[in-house]
C-alpha cells in the first residue's frame, strides 16, 4: 500500500478531530483571499482613496500576527481549544455578512482586524493540535491541513468574480482608476476571471457602476457557516458543551488514563499527547517558562533559525503573489494586462497542487530531504527567472515551479522542528508568528524597493531571500546535530548516575555482616 496501515489507523482513530481542523483551515483560506479581487468595489463602497484602503490590508495582517502569537494560550485544554476555534470560525461568517454594511473605511478596517485575529487563532491552534495528535507522523497531516488554505484561497475569488464591477464608481482620478485596475488584476486569483482593462480615463465624479459584490460576501458567509457547526458537533461529541453533562468518559479522561499507562499501546500514547502537549503555549509564555533555564544554546537557536527560515520563505510567497503582476506589465517583460492577470492565479494554484502532492511525499521521504529539495528548487527557479527575464513563456513556467517548491516548506519546517525538540517546545507558536511577520514585512520591503529601483529588483529580491533562507536552514542542521549530541550526553550521564546509585546502596549491607561476626 502507498500508505501503511499504521497511518490509516491513526487517521481513523482521530478522524473527527482531524477533519474538523482541516475545515477551519478552509475558513482561513476563504477569508485571506477575498480582499484582493474585491478591493476596488470596497473602495467605492467606503468612498475612500487608495492610500486609505490599503490600511484594511494592514489591519488584517497585523491582527493575524497578534492572533498567531497568542493562539497557543488556548491549547491548555481541549475545551478551550475547540471553543476558540468555534468562536473564530463563527466570527469569519459574521464578518462576511457585515462587510456590505461597512460604508466607512475605518469600520471596514476594524472588521478586517477582527477577522485577522480569528484567522491567527485558527492558524496556531489547528497546527498545535495536529502536531500534538500525530507527532512524528504529523508531516503528512500538516500537508493536508495547509492544502485547505490553498483550496479556500481558490474558492473565494471564484465566488466573488461574477459580482465584481469592472469600472468602479468613478470617485477618483483617472490615474487612480488605472492603478486600482492593476491592483485588482495583481491580486485576483480566479483562473476564469475576465479582465477588461482599459487605458481610458473615467470622468471624475461620473461613470458609476452599481456593485453587486455584497451578494458574494453573503454567499461566502453561508458557505463558511458549516465550519463552526462542525466544531460545535465535535464539542458535543466530546461532551464539552455546558448544556451536555458528561455521562461518559471524555477524551481528556482517556488521556489521563493513557498518561498512567505510558508503556501501553502506541495509539494510546498518541491520544494522550493530543491535548496534553504541555510544552506548547503562546509565544509570550514560552519566553517566561521556568523550564527554559539550563537548556543549551542549540535549543534556542533551533527556534530562532526555524522562524527565520519561514520569515524568508513565507515572505517570498507574499511578495511574489503581490507583485508578480506589477513585474509582468512593466518593461522589459511588458505583458498585456489581461495575460499578466493570470500569473497570481497560476501561483496560488501551484501552491495548492504542491501541498496536495506533498501529502504522499511526506510519508515516503524524510522531511529534512524535502526541505533541502524545496529550498534549493526555489533558489534555482527564481535565479532562472532572473536570467531569462525577457522570456514571457518561462515567466509562466517559473511561476508554476516557484509555487510548487514553496508550497510545502511551512508544514515541513513545522513538523521537522517539532520533531527535533521532541514536541515539548514552543516551536509551533514561534514558527507561525515568524511566518506571518515575514509575509507582512517582506511585502512592504519588496514593494518599496520596486518603487525606487524598478521592476527588475523584484526577482533579485527573491533570489536574495531564497538564498538567505537556504543558508539559515544549513545553520539549523548544524544546531540540530549539536542538540542531538547534547541529548545523547545527557542520556549517558543519567545512565551513569543510575549505575552508581546501586553501588551506594550496598554500604548498609555491611552492618548485618558485622553483626554476624559479633554473634
Protein backbone atom coordinates (compact mmCIF):
# COMPACT_ATOMS: atom_id res chain seq x y z
CA UNK A 1 0.00 0.00 0.00
CA UNK A 2 1.14 3.57 -0.67
CA UNK A 3 0.34 4.46 2.96
CA UNK A 4 0.78 1.76 5.58
CA UNK A 5 -1.91 0.55 7.91
CA UNK A 6 -0.44 2.40 10.88
CA UNK A 7 -1.03 5.82 9.30
CA UNK A 8 -4.53 4.79 8.26
CA UNK A 9 -5.25 3.53 11.78
CA UNK A 10 -4.01 6.79 13.31
CA UNK A 11 -6.22 8.78 10.98
CA UNK A 12 -9.28 6.63 11.72
CA UNK A 13 -8.72 7.00 15.45
CA UNK A 14 -8.53 10.80 15.18
CA UNK A 15 -10.56 11.36 12.01
CA UNK A 16 -13.24 13.57 13.57
CA UNK A 17 -10.70 15.92 15.14
CA UNK A 18 -8.52 15.96 12.02
CA UNK A 19 -11.37 16.71 9.61
CA UNK A 20 -12.59 19.49 11.88
CA UNK A 21 -9.15 21.16 11.97
CA UNK A 22 -8.93 20.84 8.20
CA UNK A 23 -12.30 22.51 7.80
CA UNK A 24 -11.35 25.53 9.91
CA UNK A 25 -8.29 25.99 7.72
CA UNK A 26 -10.64 26.16 4.76
CA UNK A 27 -12.21 29.14 6.54
CA UNK A 28 -8.73 30.61 6.90
CA UNK A 29 -8.08 30.37 3.16
CA UNK A 30 -11.55 31.62 2.29
CA UNK A 31 -11.01 34.74 4.36
CA UNK A 32 -7.44 35.52 3.32
CA UNK A 33 -8.09 35.60 -0.43
CA UNK A 34 -11.29 37.58 -0.96
CA UNK A 35 -9.94 41.03 -0.17
CA UNK A 36 -7.72 41.32 -3.24
CA UNK A 37 -10.26 40.91 -6.05
CA UNK A 38 -12.95 42.92 -4.21
CA UNK A 39 -10.74 45.84 -3.20
CA UNK A 40 -11.96 48.16 -5.97
CA UNK A 41 -15.61 47.58 -5.06
CA UNK A 42 -14.84 48.04 -1.38
CA UNK A 43 -13.08 51.30 -2.17
CA UNK A 44 -16.20 52.53 -3.92
CA UNK A 45 -18.39 51.26 -1.08
CA UNK A 46 -16.37 53.17 1.52
CA UNK A 47 -15.74 56.18 -0.76
CA UNK A 48 -12.05 56.06 0.13
CA UNK A 49 -8.72 56.61 -1.61
CA UNK A 50 -6.09 54.01 -2.48
CA UNK A 51 -3.85 55.01 0.42
CA UNK A 52 -6.77 54.73 2.83
CA UNK A 53 -7.99 51.34 1.63
CA UNK A 54 -4.50 49.82 1.99
CA UNK A 55 -4.88 50.18 5.76
CA UNK A 56 -7.53 47.46 5.51
CA UNK A 57 -4.82 45.04 4.37
CA UNK A 58 -2.52 46.16 7.15
CA UNK A 59 -5.15 45.85 9.87
CA UNK A 60 -5.96 42.28 8.83
CA UNK A 61 -2.32 41.16 8.60
CA UNK A 62 -1.33 42.88 11.83
CA UNK A 63 -4.14 41.31 13.85
CA UNK A 64 -3.45 37.95 12.18
CA UNK A 65 0.05 38.23 13.58
CA UNK A 66 -1.31 39.03 17.04
CA UNK A 67 -3.74 36.10 16.87
CA UNK A 68 -0.94 33.75 15.84
CA UNK A 69 1.23 34.97 18.72
CA UNK A 70 -1.36 34.46 21.46
CA UNK A 71 -3.21 31.50 19.96
CA UNK A 72 -1.15 28.95 21.88
CA UNK A 73 -2.70 30.04 25.18
CA UNK A 74 -5.96 28.37 24.12
CA UNK A 75 -4.37 24.93 23.86
CA UNK A 76 -4.46 24.42 27.64
CA UNK A 77 -7.40 22.04 27.38
CA UNK A 78 -9.40 20.55 24.57
CA UNK A 79 -12.41 22.56 25.70
CA UNK A 80 -10.68 25.94 25.38
CA UNK A 81 -9.07 24.99 22.07
CA UNK A 82 -12.35 23.95 20.45
CA UNK A 83 -14.20 26.90 21.95
CA UNK A 84 -11.66 29.31 20.45
CA UNK A 85 -11.94 27.58 17.06
CA UNK A 86 -15.75 27.74 17.19
CA UNK A 87 -15.79 31.45 18.02
CA UNK A 88 -13.15 32.22 15.39
CA UNK A 89 -14.90 30.32 12.59
CA UNK A 90 -18.24 31.89 13.53
CA UNK A 91 -16.68 35.36 13.55
CA UNK A 92 -15.47 34.86 9.98
CA UNK A 93 -19.02 34.16 8.81
CA UNK A 94 -20.29 37.19 10.75
CA UNK A 95 -17.59 39.43 9.21
CA UNK A 96 -18.51 38.24 5.72
CA UNK A 97 -22.14 39.12 6.41
CA UNK A 98 -21.49 42.64 7.74
CA UNK A 99 -18.83 43.75 5.23
CA UNK A 100 -21.51 45.06 2.80
CA UNK A 101 -22.77 47.25 5.66
CA UNK A 102 -19.36 48.90 6.23
CA UNK A 103 -19.60 52.22 4.38
CA UNK A 104 -16.66 53.78 6.22
CA UNK A 105 -13.07 52.66 5.66
CA UNK A 106 -12.33 52.78 9.40
CA UNK A 107 -15.26 50.49 10.16
CA UNK A 108 -14.12 48.15 7.39
CA UNK A 109 -10.57 48.13 8.82
CA UNK A 110 -11.93 47.20 12.25
CA UNK A 111 -13.97 44.36 10.73
CA UNK A 112 -10.88 43.10 8.88
CA UNK A 113 -8.86 43.35 12.09
CA UNK A 114 -11.37 41.10 13.86
CA UNK A 115 -11.23 38.60 11.01
CA UNK A 116 -7.41 38.69 11.10
CA UNK A 117 -7.44 37.94 14.82
CA UNK A 118 -9.75 34.97 14.21
CA UNK A 119 -7.52 33.73 11.40
CA UNK A 120 -4.43 33.94 13.61
CA UNK A 121 -6.10 31.89 16.34
CA UNK A 122 -7.16 29.28 13.80
CA UNK A 123 -3.65 29.13 12.37
CA UNK A 124 -1.89 28.44 15.66
CA UNK A 125 -4.48 26.24 17.37
CA UNK A 126 -5.08 23.91 14.41
CA UNK A 127 -1.34 23.45 13.83
CA UNK A 128 -0.67 22.77 17.52
CA UNK A 129 -3.50 20.26 17.82
CA UNK A 130 -2.48 18.27 14.75
CA UNK A 131 1.19 18.21 15.79
CA UNK A 132 0.18 17.05 19.27
CA UNK A 133 -2.04 14.28 17.89
CA UNK A 134 0.28 12.78 15.27
CA UNK A 135 3.73 13.92 16.45
CA UNK A 136 6.34 12.10 14.31
CA UNK A 137 3.68 11.34 11.70
CA UNK A 138 2.37 14.91 11.65
CA UNK A 139 4.09 15.94 8.39
CA UNK A 140 1.54 14.07 6.25
CA UNK A 141 -1.44 15.57 8.03
CA UNK A 142 0.07 19.08 8.17
CA UNK A 143 0.49 18.99 4.39
CA UNK A 144 -3.21 18.20 4.06
CA UNK A 145 -4.04 20.93 6.58
CA UNK A 146 -2.24 23.59 4.56
CA UNK A 147 -3.75 22.28 1.34
CA UNK A 148 -7.11 23.51 2.61
CA UNK A 149 -5.74 27.05 2.89
CA UNK A 150 -4.95 27.00 -0.82
CA UNK A 151 -8.29 25.39 -1.59
CA UNK A 152 -10.15 28.12 0.28
CA UNK A 153 -7.97 30.78 -1.36
CA UNK A 154 -9.06 29.50 -4.78
CA UNK A 155 -12.76 29.18 -3.94
CA UNK A 156 -13.11 32.70 -2.55
CA UNK A 157 -12.21 34.63 -5.74
CA UNK A 158 -14.32 32.25 -7.85
CA UNK A 159 -17.34 33.21 -5.77
CA UNK A 160 -16.59 36.93 -5.88
CA UNK A 161 -15.70 37.22 -9.56
CA UNK A 162 -19.23 37.19 -11.10
CA UNK A 163 -20.34 40.02 -8.81
CA UNK A 164 -17.42 42.42 -9.35
CA UNK A 165 -17.91 45.69 -11.17
CA UNK A 166 -15.41 46.42 -13.94
CA UNK A 167 -15.30 50.21 -13.92
CA UNK A 168 -15.81 51.14 -10.29
CA UNK A 169 -17.70 54.16 -9.02
CA UNK A 170 -15.67 56.90 -10.66
CA UNK A 171 -14.98 58.84 -7.47
CA UNK A 172 -11.27 59.05 -8.13
CA UNK A 173 -8.90 60.34 -10.77
CA UNK A 174 -8.09 58.52 -13.94
CA UNK A 175 -4.62 57.65 -12.77
CA UNK A 176 -6.05 56.24 -9.59
CA UNK A 177 -8.53 54.19 -11.62
CA UNK A 178 -5.73 52.70 -13.69
CA UNK A 179 -3.74 51.84 -10.56
CA UNK A 180 -6.74 50.16 -9.00
CA UNK A 181 -7.36 48.10 -12.12
CA UNK A 182 -3.73 46.99 -11.96
CA UNK A 183 -4.11 46.29 -8.25
CA UNK A 184 -7.20 44.18 -8.83
CA UNK A 185 -5.52 42.14 -11.55
CA UNK A 186 -2.46 41.69 -9.36
CA UNK A 187 -4.45 40.13 -6.53
CA UNK A 188 -7.33 38.45 -8.31
CA UNK A 189 -6.75 34.71 -8.17
CA UNK A 190 -9.63 33.31 -10.20
CA UNK A 191 -8.42 31.45 -13.28
CA UNK A 192 -11.74 32.09 -15.05
CA UNK A 193 -11.71 35.82 -14.36
CA UNK A 194 -12.27 38.19 -17.24
CA UNK A 195 -10.06 41.28 -17.01
CA UNK A 196 -11.45 44.12 -19.04
CA UNK A 197 -8.55 46.57 -18.64
CA UNK A 198 -8.97 49.92 -20.23
CA UNK A 199 -6.46 52.74 -20.57
CA UNK A 200 -9.09 55.42 -20.93
CA UNK A 201 -9.77 57.81 -18.07
CA UNK A 202 -13.04 57.81 -16.24
CA UNK A 203 -14.71 61.17 -15.77
CA UNK A 204 -14.29 62.49 -12.27
CA UNK A 205 -17.47 62.02 -10.32
CA UNK A 206 -19.17 60.04 -13.08
CA UNK A 207 -19.22 56.64 -14.68
CA UNK A 208 -20.51 54.99 -11.56
CA UNK A 209 -21.49 51.38 -11.77
CA UNK A 210 -23.72 49.75 -9.19
CA UNK A 211 -21.86 46.93 -7.46
CA UNK A 212 -23.39 43.57 -6.57
CA UNK A 213 -20.39 42.39 -4.56
CA UNK A 214 -22.48 42.22 -1.39
CA UNK A 215 -24.06 39.05 -2.74
CA UNK A 216 -20.60 37.47 -2.92
CA UNK A 217 -19.93 38.21 0.74
CA UNK A 218 -23.27 36.78 1.81
CA UNK A 219 -22.66 33.63 -0.23
CA UNK A 220 -19.24 33.20 1.39
CA UNK A 221 -20.81 33.70 4.81
CA UNK A 222 -23.25 30.86 4.09
CA UNK A 223 -20.53 28.60 2.68
CA UNK A 224 -18.40 29.13 5.77
CA UNK A 225 -21.29 28.57 8.22
CA UNK A 226 -20.95 24.73 8.29
CA UNK A 227 -17.40 25.12 9.66
CA UNK A 228 -18.36 26.46 13.12
CA UNK A 229 -21.20 23.94 13.13
CA UNK A 230 -18.64 21.17 12.58
CA UNK A 231 -16.62 22.43 15.56
CA UNK A 232 -19.81 22.53 17.62
CA UNK A 233 -20.59 18.92 16.68
CA UNK A 234 -17.11 17.86 17.79
CA UNK A 235 -17.60 19.66 21.11
CA UNK A 236 -20.92 17.86 21.54
CA UNK A 237 -19.32 14.52 20.76
CA UNK A 238 -16.61 15.16 23.36
CA UNK A 239 -19.32 16.35 25.78
CA UNK A 240 -17.65 19.71 26.24
CA UNK A 241 -20.82 21.79 25.94
CA UNK A 242 -22.23 23.22 29.18
CA UNK A 243 -25.69 22.00 28.24
CA UNK A 244 -24.44 18.42 27.79
CA UNK A 245 -23.34 16.90 31.12
CA UNK A 246 -20.51 14.40 30.84
CA UNK A 247 -22.05 10.98 31.49
CA UNK A 248 -19.27 9.05 29.73
CA UNK A 249 -15.51 9.45 29.90
CA UNK A 250 -14.35 12.36 27.82
CA UNK A 251 -11.27 12.36 25.65
CA UNK A 252 -9.41 14.22 28.37
CA UNK A 253 -10.25 11.45 30.84
CA UNK A 254 -8.90 8.90 28.40
CA UNK A 255 -5.79 10.98 28.11
CA UNK A 256 -5.20 10.81 31.84
CA UNK A 257 -5.56 7.03 31.78
CA UNK A 258 -3.10 6.85 28.91
CA UNK A 259 -0.69 9.01 30.88
CA UNK A 260 -0.72 6.50 33.71
CA UNK A 261 -0.04 3.67 31.25
CA UNK A 262 2.74 5.15 29.15
CA UNK A 263 4.10 1.72 28.41
CA UNK A 264 0.86 0.76 26.69
CA UNK A 265 0.00 0.70 23.02
CA UNK A 266 1.31 3.43 20.69
CA UNK A 267 -2.20 4.50 19.82
CA UNK A 268 -2.97 5.28 23.44
CA UNK A 269 0.17 7.39 23.67
CA UNK A 270 -0.84 9.37 20.60
CA UNK A 271 -4.26 10.11 22.06
CA UNK A 272 -2.74 11.11 25.38
CA UNK A 273 -0.47 13.68 23.81
CA UNK A 274 -3.17 15.02 21.51
CA UNK A 275 -4.36 17.59 24.02
CA UNK A 276 -1.72 17.41 26.74
CA UNK A 277 1.19 18.89 24.78
CA UNK A 278 2.38 20.76 27.80
CA UNK A 279 5.30 22.45 26.09
CA UNK A 280 3.15 24.35 23.65
CA UNK A 281 1.91 27.80 24.52
CA UNK A 282 1.68 31.32 23.26
CA UNK A 283 4.94 32.96 22.28
CA UNK A 284 4.97 35.25 25.33
CA UNK A 285 4.53 32.50 27.91
CA UNK A 286 7.20 30.49 26.10
CA UNK A 287 9.75 33.20 26.81
CA UNK A 288 8.80 33.23 30.51
CA UNK A 289 8.78 29.47 31.02
CA UNK A 290 10.90 28.46 34.03
CA UNK A 291 11.66 25.16 32.30
CA UNK A 292 13.84 27.03 29.82
CA UNK A 293 16.53 27.55 32.44
CA UNK A 294 19.56 25.37 31.91
CA UNK A 295 18.69 24.47 28.32
CA UNK A 296 21.53 24.54 25.78
CA UNK A 297 22.12 27.21 23.15
CA UNK A 298 21.05 24.77 20.44
CA UNK A 299 17.51 24.67 21.86
CA UNK A 300 17.05 28.41 21.38
CA UNK A 301 18.86 28.56 18.05
CA UNK A 302 16.57 25.89 16.58
CA UNK A 303 13.56 28.08 17.41
CA UNK A 304 15.24 31.22 16.07
CA UNK A 305 16.61 29.71 12.86
CA UNK A 306 13.40 27.82 12.10
CA UNK A 307 11.44 31.04 12.46
CA UNK A 308 13.91 32.97 10.28
CA UNK A 309 13.71 30.37 7.52
CA UNK A 310 9.93 30.73 7.43
CA UNK A 311 10.27 34.51 7.70
CA UNK A 312 12.15 34.41 4.38
CA UNK A 313 10.17 31.73 2.55
CA UNK A 314 6.71 32.98 3.52
CA UNK A 315 7.97 36.47 2.73
CA UNK A 316 8.72 35.23 -0.80
CA UNK A 317 5.19 33.81 -1.07
CA UNK A 318 3.60 37.10 -0.04
CA UNK A 319 5.89 39.25 -2.19
CA UNK A 320 5.61 37.06 -5.29
CA UNK A 321 1.82 36.79 -5.12
CA UNK A 322 1.55 40.52 -4.55
CA UNK A 323 3.98 41.89 -7.14
CA UNK A 324 4.31 39.36 -9.95
CA UNK A 325 1.61 41.25 -11.86
CA UNK A 326 3.44 44.55 -11.40
CA UNK A 327 6.65 42.95 -12.66
CA UNK A 328 4.94 41.36 -15.68
CA UNK A 329 3.30 44.52 -17.04
CA UNK A 330 6.43 46.67 -16.61
CA UNK A 331 9.39 46.74 -19.01
CA UNK A 332 11.25 44.68 -20.10
CA UNK A 333 8.53 41.99 -19.87
CA UNK A 334 5.65 44.33 -20.82
CA UNK A 335 2.94 41.67 -20.93
CA UNK A 336 -0.66 42.66 -21.72
CA UNK A 337 -2.61 43.36 -18.57
CA UNK A 338 -5.08 40.57 -19.19
CA UNK A 339 -2.33 37.97 -19.71
CA UNK A 340 -0.39 39.15 -16.64
CA UNK A 341 -3.51 38.92 -14.51
CA UNK A 342 -3.38 35.12 -14.64
CA UNK A 343 0.08 34.88 -13.04
CA UNK A 344 -1.18 35.24 -9.46
CA UNK A 345 -3.84 32.62 -10.17
CA UNK A 346 -1.21 30.22 -11.53
CA UNK A 347 0.98 30.83 -8.48
CA UNK A 348 -1.76 30.04 -5.96
CA UNK A 349 -2.98 27.06 -7.98
CA UNK A 350 0.59 25.69 -7.96
CA UNK A 351 0.80 26.16 -4.18
CA UNK A 352 -2.48 24.28 -3.74
CA UNK A 353 -1.36 21.44 -6.04
CA UNK A 354 2.06 21.32 -4.37
CA UNK A 355 0.55 20.88 -0.93
CA UNK A 356 -1.67 18.11 -2.22
CA UNK A 357 1.31 16.41 -3.87
CA UNK A 358 3.37 16.73 -0.69
CA UNK A 359 0.93 14.60 1.31
CA UNK A 360 2.24 11.26 -0.06
CA UNK A 361 5.78 12.62 -0.43
CA UNK A 362 5.92 13.46 3.28
CA UNK A 363 5.20 9.82 4.02
CA UNK A 364 7.76 8.43 1.55
CA UNK A 365 10.68 10.80 2.19
CA UNK A 366 12.31 12.36 5.23
CA UNK A 367 11.09 15.86 5.98
CA UNK A 368 14.66 17.18 6.06
CA UNK A 369 15.27 15.99 2.49
CA UNK A 370 12.04 17.57 1.29
CA UNK A 371 13.08 20.87 2.85
CA UNK A 372 16.52 20.81 1.19
CA UNK A 373 14.95 19.93 -2.16
CA UNK A 374 12.27 22.64 -1.92
CA UNK A 375 14.63 25.39 -0.76
CA UNK A 376 17.18 24.55 -3.44
CA UNK A 377 14.43 24.35 -6.06
CA UNK A 378 13.11 27.77 -5.07
CA UNK A 379 16.58 29.31 -5.42
CA UNK A 380 17.17 27.73 -8.84
CA UNK A 381 13.72 28.72 -10.11
CA UNK A 382 13.96 32.38 -9.11
CA UNK A 383 17.54 32.52 -10.41
CA UNK A 384 16.41 31.19 -13.81
CA UNK A 385 13.60 33.74 -13.83
CA UNK A 386 16.23 36.40 -13.24
CA UNK A 387 18.42 35.07 -16.07
CA UNK A 388 15.58 34.70 -18.59
CA UNK A 389 13.94 37.94 -17.55
CA UNK A 390 12.77 38.69 -21.11
CA UNK A 391 11.01 35.34 -21.69
CA UNK A 392 7.28 35.58 -21.06
CA UNK A 393 6.90 31.81 -21.53
CA UNK A 394 9.39 31.00 -18.81
CA UNK A 395 7.71 33.53 -16.54
CA UNK A 396 4.58 31.35 -16.55
CA UNK A 397 6.59 28.14 -16.16
CA UNK A 398 8.76 29.65 -13.43
CA UNK A 399 5.72 30.97 -11.56
CA UNK A 400 4.25 27.48 -11.51
CA UNK A 401 7.53 25.90 -10.36
CA UNK A 402 8.06 28.58 -7.72
CA UNK A 403 4.62 27.86 -6.25
CA UNK A 404 5.31 24.12 -6.22
CA UNK A 405 8.65 24.46 -4.41
CA UNK A 406 7.40 26.99 -1.85
CA UNK A 407 4.12 25.23 -1.13
CA UNK A 408 5.25 22.63 1.42
CA UNK A 409 8.10 24.45 3.17
CA UNK A 410 5.95 25.71 6.04
CA UNK A 411 4.32 22.40 7.07
CA UNK A 412 7.60 20.51 6.55
CA UNK A 413 9.53 23.01 8.69
CA UNK A 414 6.87 22.83 11.38
CA UNK A 415 6.99 19.03 11.52
CA UNK A 416 10.81 18.94 11.35
CA UNK A 417 11.38 21.50 14.11
CA UNK A 418 8.85 19.94 16.46
CA UNK A 419 10.47 16.56 15.86
CA UNK A 420 13.90 17.93 16.81
CA UNK A 421 12.52 19.37 20.05
CA UNK A 422 10.57 16.20 20.88
CA UNK A 423 7.25 18.07 20.78
CA UNK A 424 7.89 19.84 24.07
CA UNK A 425 8.96 23.30 22.90
CA UNK A 426 7.12 26.34 21.69
CA UNK A 427 8.13 25.81 18.07
CA UNK A 428 4.62 25.94 16.62
CA UNK A 429 3.81 29.37 18.05
CA UNK A 430 7.24 30.75 17.14
CA UNK A 431 7.14 29.44 13.56
CA UNK A 432 3.57 30.55 12.86
CA UNK A 433 4.32 34.03 14.21
CA UNK A 434 7.56 34.31 12.24
CA UNK A 435 5.89 33.22 9.01
CA UNK A 436 3.12 35.79 9.38
CA UNK A 437 5.60 38.52 10.22
CA UNK A 438 7.73 37.64 7.19
CA UNK A 439 4.77 37.79 4.83
CA UNK A 440 3.76 41.19 6.17
CA UNK A 441 7.24 42.76 6.32
CA UNK A 442 8.56 41.44 3.01
CA UNK A 443 5.54 42.71 1.09
CA UNK A 444 6.24 46.23 2.33
CA UNK A 445 10.00 45.94 1.82
CA UNK A 446 9.86 44.48 -1.70
CA UNK A 447 7.16 46.96 -2.73
CA UNK A 448 9.29 49.92 -1.66
CA UNK A 449 12.37 48.52 -3.44
CA UNK A 450 10.42 48.00 -6.66
CA UNK A 451 9.15 51.57 -6.48
CA UNK A 452 12.64 53.02 -6.10
CA UNK A 453 14.84 50.59 -8.06
CA UNK A 454 12.48 49.32 -10.77
CA UNK A 455 10.67 46.07 -11.53
CA UNK A 456 13.90 44.15 -12.23
CA UNK A 457 14.72 44.27 -8.50
CA UNK A 458 11.64 42.12 -7.81
CA UNK A 459 13.36 38.89 -8.91
CA UNK A 460 16.68 39.96 -7.40
CA UNK A 461 14.98 40.31 -4.02
CA UNK A 462 13.52 36.82 -4.50
CA UNK A 463 16.96 35.30 -5.15
CA UNK A 464 18.44 37.03 -2.11
CA UNK A 465 15.62 35.96 0.21
CA UNK A 466 15.67 32.35 -1.03
CA UNK A 467 19.47 32.17 -0.64
CA UNK A 468 19.34 33.58 2.89
CA UNK A 469 16.62 31.06 3.74
CA UNK A 470 18.77 28.17 2.48
CA UNK A 471 21.82 29.38 4.45
CA UNK A 472 19.71 29.69 7.60
CA UNK A 473 18.44 26.15 7.09
CA UNK A 474 22.01 24.85 6.80
CA UNK A 475 22.72 26.57 10.12
CA UNK A 476 19.62 24.89 11.54
CA UNK A 477 21.01 21.48 10.52
CA UNK A 478 24.25 22.31 12.36
CA UNK A 479 22.42 23.19 15.57
CA UNK A 480 20.23 20.13 15.16
CA UNK A 481 23.34 17.98 15.30
CA UNK A 482 24.63 19.95 18.30
CA UNK A 483 21.29 19.50 20.08
CA UNK A 484 21.29 15.78 19.33
CA UNK A 485 24.80 15.45 20.83
CA UNK A 486 23.61 17.35 23.90
CA UNK A 487 20.68 14.96 24.38
CA UNK A 488 22.97 11.96 23.90
CA UNK A 489 25.40 13.28 26.51
CA UNK A 490 22.56 13.94 28.94
CA UNK A 491 21.28 10.41 28.48
CA UNK A 492 24.73 8.94 29.14
CA UNK A 493 25.13 11.00 32.32
CA UNK A 494 21.74 9.81 33.56
CA UNK A 495 22.71 6.21 32.84
CA UNK A 496 25.97 6.62 34.76
CA UNK A 497 24.15 8.07 37.75
CA UNK A 498 21.75 5.14 37.72
CA UNK A 499 24.68 2.70 37.65
CA UNK A 500 26.41 4.41 40.56
CA UNK A 501 23.30 4.52 42.73
CA UNK A 502 23.06 0.72 43.40
CA UNK A 503 26.72 0.72 44.50
CA UNK A 504 25.98 3.37 47.08
CA UNK A 505 23.06 1.36 48.37
CA UNK A 506 25.32 -1.64 49.12
CA UNK A 507 27.05 0.14 52.01
CA UNK A 508 24.31 -0.51 54.56
CA UNK A 509 24.57 -4.24 53.84
CA UNK A 510 27.93 -4.33 55.62
CA UNK A 511 26.30 -3.86 59.02
CA UNK A 512 24.47 -7.18 59.04
CA UNK A 513 27.76 -8.91 58.17
CA UNK A 514 29.47 -7.23 61.12
CA UNK A 515 26.63 -8.26 63.42
CA UNK A 516 27.04 -11.79 62.17
CA UNK A 517 30.72 -11.81 63.10
CA UNK A 518 29.92 -10.49 66.58
CA UNK A 519 27.35 -13.15 67.04
